[in-house]
Amino acid sequence: ADRRAVGRRRSAIARRQSADGSFDGDVNLTAYAVLALGRGHRDERQRARRWLRAHPRDDIDSTGAALWALAGSLTRAERRRARVRLRGAQGPDGGFGVLPGDGSNAQSTALAILGMHAAGLRPGRMRTEDGISPLDYLRARTASSGAVAYDRLSRRTPVWVTAQALLALATARSG
């Protein structure tokens, strides 16, 4: 019964896909739809992936999500461009802000890590001149309770931030 319910939900998502392959013409929505569709709905995933490849990602959150959605289908050139883009956006504290040059935050850093992992890049090796990796950035934001702070000063959306950060740390550990 649970599998059928999941299948129905995935079918409902697939029905929302636009003719161009996107979901509402939005990079993030399209990336997350690809992830939600899972291994089923192959044609829809392929169309969405084609659309993602053709549309620029203005921010690190979209870049990470798109790379995550494109996992297993990235070309060598796409991986190289991703590495260059992420390296150029990395802050001196090892983390990533929403936009290159913004202050780092745990959510953008987590999405960048998930994207790196999906692209076959090793987040632990993407270090600043001072040797700080994005993983180090997330670990530095983690309290003894396990909660991860959004940034150095803010504790906003603690459950959401912690969930994304822990997923990124676990994914990086497994790879």
C-alpha atoms as a PDB file:
ATOM      1  CA  ALA A   1       0.000   0.000   0.000  1.00  0.00           C
ATOM      2  CA  ASP A   2       2.812   2.421   0.822  1.00  0.00           C
ATOM      3  CA  ARG A   3       4.541   1.801  -2.514  1.00  0.00           C
ATOM      4  CA  ARG A   4       1.332   2.535  -4.368  1.00  0.00           C
ATOM      5  CA  ALA A   5       0.863   5.763  -2.421  1.00  0.00           C
ATOM      6  CA  VAL A   6       4.420   6.838  -3.237  1.00  0.00           C
ATOM      7  CA  GLY A   7       3.825   5.920  -6.875  1.00  0.00           C
ATOM      8  CA  ARG A   8       0.668   8.042  -6.956  1.00  0.00           C
ATOM      9  CA  ARG A   9       2.518  11.006  -5.445  1.00  0.00           C
ATOM     10  CA  ARG A  10       5.318  10.673  -7.960  1.00  0.00           C
ATOM     11  CA  SER A  11       2.796  10.471 -10.795  1.00  0.00           C
ATOM     12  CA  ALA A  12       1.138  13.622  -9.482  1.00  0.00           C
ATOM     13  CA  ILE A  13       4.509  15.373  -9.571  1.00  0.00           C
ATOM     14  CA  ALA A  14       5.198  14.127 -13.106  1.00  0.00           C
ATOM     15  CA  ARG A  15       1.845  15.519 -14.296  1.00  0.00           C
ATOM     16  CA  ARG A  16       2.939  19.006 -13.216  1.00  0.00           C
ATOM     17  CA  GLN A  17       5.893  19.010 -15.602  1.00  0.00           C
ATOM     18  CA  SER A  18       5.761  21.678 -18.309  1.00  0.00           C
ATOM     19  CA  ALA A  19       6.147  20.804 -21.964  1.00  0.00           C
ATOM     20  CA  ASP A  20       9.675  22.262 -21.917  1.00  0.00           C
ATOM     21  CA  GLY A  21      10.743  19.761 -19.237  1.00  0.00           C
ATOM     22  CA  SER A  22      10.808  22.204 -16.329  1.00  0.00           C
ATOM     23  CA  PHE A  23       8.587  22.507 -13.326  1.00  0.00           C
ATOM     24  CA  ASP A  24       7.182  26.039 -13.415  1.00  0.00           C
ATOM     25  CA  GLY A  25      10.312  27.228 -15.242  1.00  0.00           C
ATOM     26  CA  ASP A  26      12.243  27.172 -11.962  1.00  0.00           C
ATOM     27  CA  VAL A  27      15.660  25.556 -11.475  1.00  0.00           C
ATOM     28  CA  ASN A  28      15.092  24.626  -7.829  1.00  0.00           C
ATOM     29  CA  LEU A  29      11.611  23.196  -8.392  1.00  0.00           C
ATOM     30  CA  THR A  30      12.847  21.224 -11.376  1.00  0.00           C
ATOM     31  CA  ALA A  31      15.856  19.860  -9.481  1.00  0.00           C
ATOM     32  CA  TYR A  32      13.761  18.779  -6.510  1.00  0.00           C
ATOM     33  CA  ALA A  33      11.138  17.262  -8.793  1.00  0.00           C
ATOM     34  CA  VAL A  34      13.848  15.117 -10.411  1.00  0.00           C
ATOM     35  CA  LEU A  35      14.929  13.954  -6.951  1.00  0.00           C
ATOM     36  CA  ALA A  36      11.333  13.258  -5.900  1.00  0.00           C
ATOM     37  CA  LEU A  37      10.571  11.263  -9.029  1.00  0.00           C
ATOM     38  CA  GLY A  38      13.203   8.753  -8.010  1.00  0.00           C
ATOM     39  CA  ARG A  39      14.067   6.018 -10.487  1.00  0.00           C
ATOM     40  CA  GLY A  40      10.588   5.959 -11.975  1.00  0.00           C
ATOM     41  CA  HIS A  41       9.316   8.341 -14.615  1.00  0.00           C
ATOM     42  CA  ARG A  42      12.490   8.057 -16.659  1.00  0.00           C
ATOM     43  CA  ASP A  43      11.248  10.177 -19.585  1.00  0.00           C
ATOM     44  CA  GLU A  44      10.182  12.997 -17.264  1.00  0.00           C
ATOM     45  CA  ARG A  45      13.524  12.915 -15.433  1.00  0.00           C
ATOM     46  CA  GLN A  46      15.446  13.017 -18.719  1.00  0.00           C
ATOM     47  CA  ARG A  47      13.410  15.982 -19.993  1.00  0.00           C
ATOM     48  CA  ALA A  48      13.893  17.800 -16.693  1.00  0.00           C
ATOM     49  CA  ARG A  49      17.623  17.103 -16.741  1.00  0.00           C
ATOM     50  CA  ARG A  50      17.892  18.458 -20.292  1.00  0.00           C
ATOM     51  CA  TRP A  51      16.080  21.595 -19.148  1.00  0.00           C
ATOM     52  CA  LEU A  52      18.390  21.953 -16.119  1.00  0.00           C
ATOM     53  CA  ARG A  53      21.469  21.704 -18.315  1.00  0.00           C
ATOM     54  CA  ALA A  54      20.165  24.478 -20.574  1.00  0.00           C
ATOM     55  CA  HIS A  55      19.321  26.947 -17.814  1.00  0.00           C
ATOM     56  CA  PRO A  56      21.860  28.910 -15.819  1.00  0.00           C
ATOM     57  CA  ARG A  57      21.934  28.727 -12.084  1.00  0.00           C
ATOM     58  CA  ASP A  58      22.373  32.143 -10.567  1.00  0.00           C
ATOM     59  CA  ASP A  59      22.985  31.105  -7.000  1.00  0.00           C
ATOM     60  CA  ILE A  60      24.788  28.412  -5.055  1.00  0.00           C
ATOM     61  CA  ASP A  61      21.584  26.850  -3.735  1.00  0.00           C
ATOM     62  CA  SER A  62      20.340  26.296  -7.306  1.00  0.00           C
ATOM     63  CA  THR A  63      23.763  25.090  -8.430  1.00  0.00           C
ATOM     64  CA  GLY A  64      23.925  22.514  -5.629  1.00  0.00           C
ATOM     65  CA  ALA A  65      20.356  21.330  -6.179  1.00  0.00           C
ATOM     66  CA  ALA A  66      20.836  21.052  -9.953  1.00  0.00           C
ATOM     67  CA  LEU A  67      24.087  19.099  -9.583  1.00  0.00           C
ATOM     68  CA  TRP A  68      22.351  16.800  -7.111  1.00  0.00           C
ATOM     69  CA  ALA A  69      19.515  16.224  -9.584  1.00  0.00           C
ATOM     70  CA  LEU A  70      21.989  15.608 -12.415  1.00  0.00           C
ATOM     71  CA  ALA A  71      23.941  12.998 -10.438  1.00  0.00           C
ATOM     72  CA  GLY A  72      25.160  10.144 -12.557  1.00  0.00           C
ATOM     73  CA  SER A  73      24.567  12.002 -15.808  1.00  0.00           C
ATOM     74  CA  LEU A  74      27.173  14.767 -15.667  1.00  0.00           C
ATOM     75  CA  THR A  75      29.817  14.945 -18.346  1.00  0.00           C
ATOM     76  CA  ARG A  76      33.459  15.524 -17.531  1.00  0.00           C
ATOM     77  CA  ALA A  77      33.152  19.115 -18.822  1.00  0.00           C
ATOM     78  CA  GLU A  78      30.087  19.724 -16.620  1.00  0.00           C
ATOM     79  CA  ARG A  79      31.953  18.436 -13.572  1.00  0.00           C
ATOM     80  CA  ARG A  80      34.912  20.673 -14.374  1.00  0.00           C
ATOM     81  CA  ARG A  81      32.642  23.743 -14.766  1.00  0.00           C
ATOM     82  CA  ALA A  82      30.920  22.880 -11.490  1.00  0.00           C
ATOM     83  CA  ARG A  83      34.247  22.638  -9.675  1.00  0.00           C
ATOM     84  CA  VAL A  84      35.402  25.996 -11.074  1.00  0.00           C
ATOM     85  CA  ARG A  85      32.078  27.683 -10.232  1.00  0.00           C
ATOM     86  CA  LEU A  86      31.999  26.329  -6.698  1.00  0.00           C
ATOM     87  CA  ARG A  87      35.669  27.024  -6.053  1.00  0.00           C
ATOM     88  CA  GLY A  88      35.138  30.633  -7.146  1.00  0.00           C
ATOM     89  CA  ALA A  89      32.143  31.033  -4.844  1.00  0.00           C
ATOM     90  CA  GLN A  90      33.701  29.487  -1.743  1.00  0.00           C
ATOM     91  CA  GLY A  91      34.237  31.920   1.117  1.00  0.00           C
ATOM     92  CA  PRO A  92      37.451  32.225   3.118  1.00  0.00           C
ATOM     93  CA  ASP A  93      35.701  30.411   5.986  1.00  0.00           C
ATOM     94  CA  GLY A  94      35.238  27.337   3.750  1.00  0.00           C
ATOM     95  CA  GLY A  95      31.492  27.839   3.363  1.00  0.00           C
ATOM     96  CA  PHE A  96      29.197  29.196   0.677  1.00  0.00           C
ATOM     97  CA  GLY A  97      26.695  32.033   0.607  1.00  0.00           C
ATOM     98  CA  VAL A  98      23.588  32.103  -1.530  1.00  0.00           C
ATOM     99  CA  LEU A  99      25.419  34.280  -4.067  1.00  0.00           C
ATOM    100  CA  PRO A 100      29.172  34.371  -4.628  1.00  0.00           C
ATOM    101  CA  GLY A 101      30.562  37.015  -2.295  1.00  0.00           C
ATOM    102  CA  ASP A 102      27.713  36.709   0.235  1.00  0.00           C
ATOM    103  CA  GLY A 103      28.517  35.610   3.746  1.00  0.00           C
ATOM    104  CA  SER A 104      28.533  31.850   4.164  1.00  0.00           C
ATOM    105  CA  ASN A 105      25.568  29.974   5.613  1.00  0.00           C
ATOM    106  CA  ALA A 106      24.999  26.337   6.496  1.00  0.00           C
ATOM    107  CA  GLN A 107      22.123  25.777   4.062  1.00  0.00           C
ATOM    108  CA  SER A 108      23.971  27.009   0.977  1.00  0.00           C
ATOM    109  CA  THR A 109      27.074  25.144   2.108  1.00  0.00           C
ATOM    110  CA  ALA A 110      25.072  21.937   2.588  1.00  0.00           C
ATOM    111  CA  LEU A 111      23.538  22.232  -0.887  1.00  0.00           C
ATOM    112  CA  ALA A 112      26.968  22.906  -2.376  1.00  0.00           C
ATOM    113  CA  ILE A 113      28.322  19.775  -0.645  1.00  0.00           C
ATOM    114  CA  LEU A 114      25.406  17.648  -1.884  1.00  0.00           C
ATOM    115  CA  GLY A 115      25.989  18.971  -5.398  1.00  0.00           C
ATOM    116  CA  MET A 116      29.729  18.319  -5.182  1.00  0.00           C
ATOM    117  CA  HIS A 117      29.161  14.788  -3.993  1.00  0.00           C
ATOM    118  CA  ALA A 118      26.680  14.147  -6.808  1.00  0.00           C
ATOM    119  CA  ALA A 119      29.154  15.558  -9.325  1.00  0.00           C
ATOM    120  CA  GLY A 120      31.884  13.243  -8.092  1.00  0.00           C
ATOM    121  CA  LEU A 121      33.806  16.092  -6.474  1.00  0.00           C
ATOM    122  CA  ARG A 122      35.218  15.620  -3.001  1.00  0.00           C
ATOM    123  CA  PRO A 123      34.043  18.382  -0.660  1.00  0.00           C
ATOM    124  CA  GLY A 124      36.781  17.561   1.846  1.00  0.00           C
ATOM    125  CA  ARG A 125      39.373  18.440  -0.780  1.00  0.00           C
ATOM    126  CA  MET A 126      37.852  21.793  -1.710  1.00  0.00           C
ATOM    127  CA  ARG A 127      39.878  23.812   0.760  1.00  0.00           C
ATOM    128  CA  THR A 128      40.566  27.506   1.119  1.00  0.00           C
ATOM    129  CA  GLU A 129      44.079  28.925   1.240  1.00  0.00           C
ATOM    130  CA  ASP A 130      43.898  28.394   5.003  1.00  0.00           C
ATOM    131  CA  GLY A 131      42.956  24.735   4.515  1.00  0.00           C
ATOM    132  CA  ILE A 132      39.270  25.036   5.514  1.00  0.00           C
ATOM    133  CA  SER A 133      36.794  22.800   3.682  1.00  0.00           C
ATOM    134  CA  PRO A 134      33.009  23.182   3.396  1.00  0.00           C
ATOM    135  CA  LEU A 135      32.732  20.197   5.743  1.00  0.00           C
ATOM    136  CA  ASP A 136      34.837  22.089   8.287  1.00  0.00           C
ATOM    137  CA  TYR A 137      32.473  25.047   7.914  1.00  0.00           C
ATOM    138  CA  LEU A 138      29.445  22.893   8.766  1.00  0.00           C
ATOM    139  CA  ARG A 139      31.202  21.178  11.648  1.00  0.00           C
ATOM    140  CA  ALA A 140      32.101  24.591  13.099  1.00  0.00           C
ATOM    141  CA  ARG A 141      28.396  25.534  13.096  1.00  0.00           C
ATOM    142  CA  THR A 142      27.370  22.338  14.918  1.00  0.00           C
ATOM    143  CA  ALA A 143      26.500  22.706  18.606  1.00  0.00           C
ATOM    144  CA  SER A 144      27.017  19.966  21.182  1.00  0.00           C
ATOM    145  CA  SER A 145      23.254  19.283  20.915  1.00  0.00           C
ATOM    146  CA  GLY A 146      23.743  18.399  17.243  1.00  0.00           C
ATOM    147  CA  ALA A 147      21.857  21.477  16.000  1.00  0.00           C
ATOM    148  CA  VAL A 148      23.542  23.366  13.170  1.00  0.00           C
ATOM    149  CA  ALA A 149      23.443  27.161  13.169  1.00  0.00           C
ATOM    150  CA  TYR A 150      22.524  28.976   9.950  1.00  0.00           C
ATOM    151  CA  ASP A 151      25.671  31.099  10.167  1.00  0.00           C
ATOM    152  CA  ARG A 152      28.048  32.522  12.756  1.00  0.00           C
ATOM    153  CA  LEU A 153      25.400  34.794  14.250  1.00  0.00           C
ATOM    154  CA  SER A 154      21.981  33.363  13.404  1.00  0.00           C
ATOM    155  CA  ARG A 155      20.009  30.373  14.620  1.00  0.00           C
ATOM    156  CA  ARG A 156      17.105  30.787  12.160  1.00  0.00           C
ATOM    157  CA  THR A 157      15.197  27.768  10.836  1.00  0.00           C
ATOM    158  CA  PRO A 158      17.168  25.380  13.081  1.00  0.00           C
ATOM    159  CA  VAL A 159      15.395  22.154  12.099  1.00  0.00           C
ATOM    160  CA  TRP A 160      15.640  22.833   8.374  1.00  0.00           C
ATOM    161  CA  VAL A 161      19.275  23.959   8.583  1.00  0.00           C
ATOM    162  CA  THR A 162      20.255  20.984  10.736  1.00  0.00           C
ATOM    163  CA  ALA A 163      18.506  18.502   8.447  1.00  0.00           C
ATOM    164  CA  GLN A 164      20.269  19.828   5.338  1.00  0.00           C
ATOM    165  CA  ALA A 165      23.638  20.020   7.068  1.00  0.00           C
ATOM    166  CA  LEU A 166      23.398  16.495   8.475  1.00  0.00           C
ATOM    167  CA  LEU A 167      22.406  15.102   5.089  1.00  0.00           C
ATOM    168  CA  ALA A 168      25.422  16.803   3.519  1.00  0.00           C
ATOM    169  CA  LEU A 169      27.792  15.587   6.221  1.00  0.00           C
ATOM    170  CA  ALA A 170      26.449  12.033   6.013  1.00  0.00           C
ATOM    171  CA  THR A 171      26.639  12.022   2.222  1.00  0.00           C
ATOM    172  CA  ALA A 172      30.186  13.319   2.251  1.00  0.00           C
ATOM    173  CA  ARG A 173      31.167  10.706   4.815  1.00  0.00           C
ATOM    174  CA  SER A 174      29.756   7.890   2.681  1.00  0.00           C
ATOM    175  CA  GLY A 175      31.651   9.045  -0.390  1.00  0.00           C
END
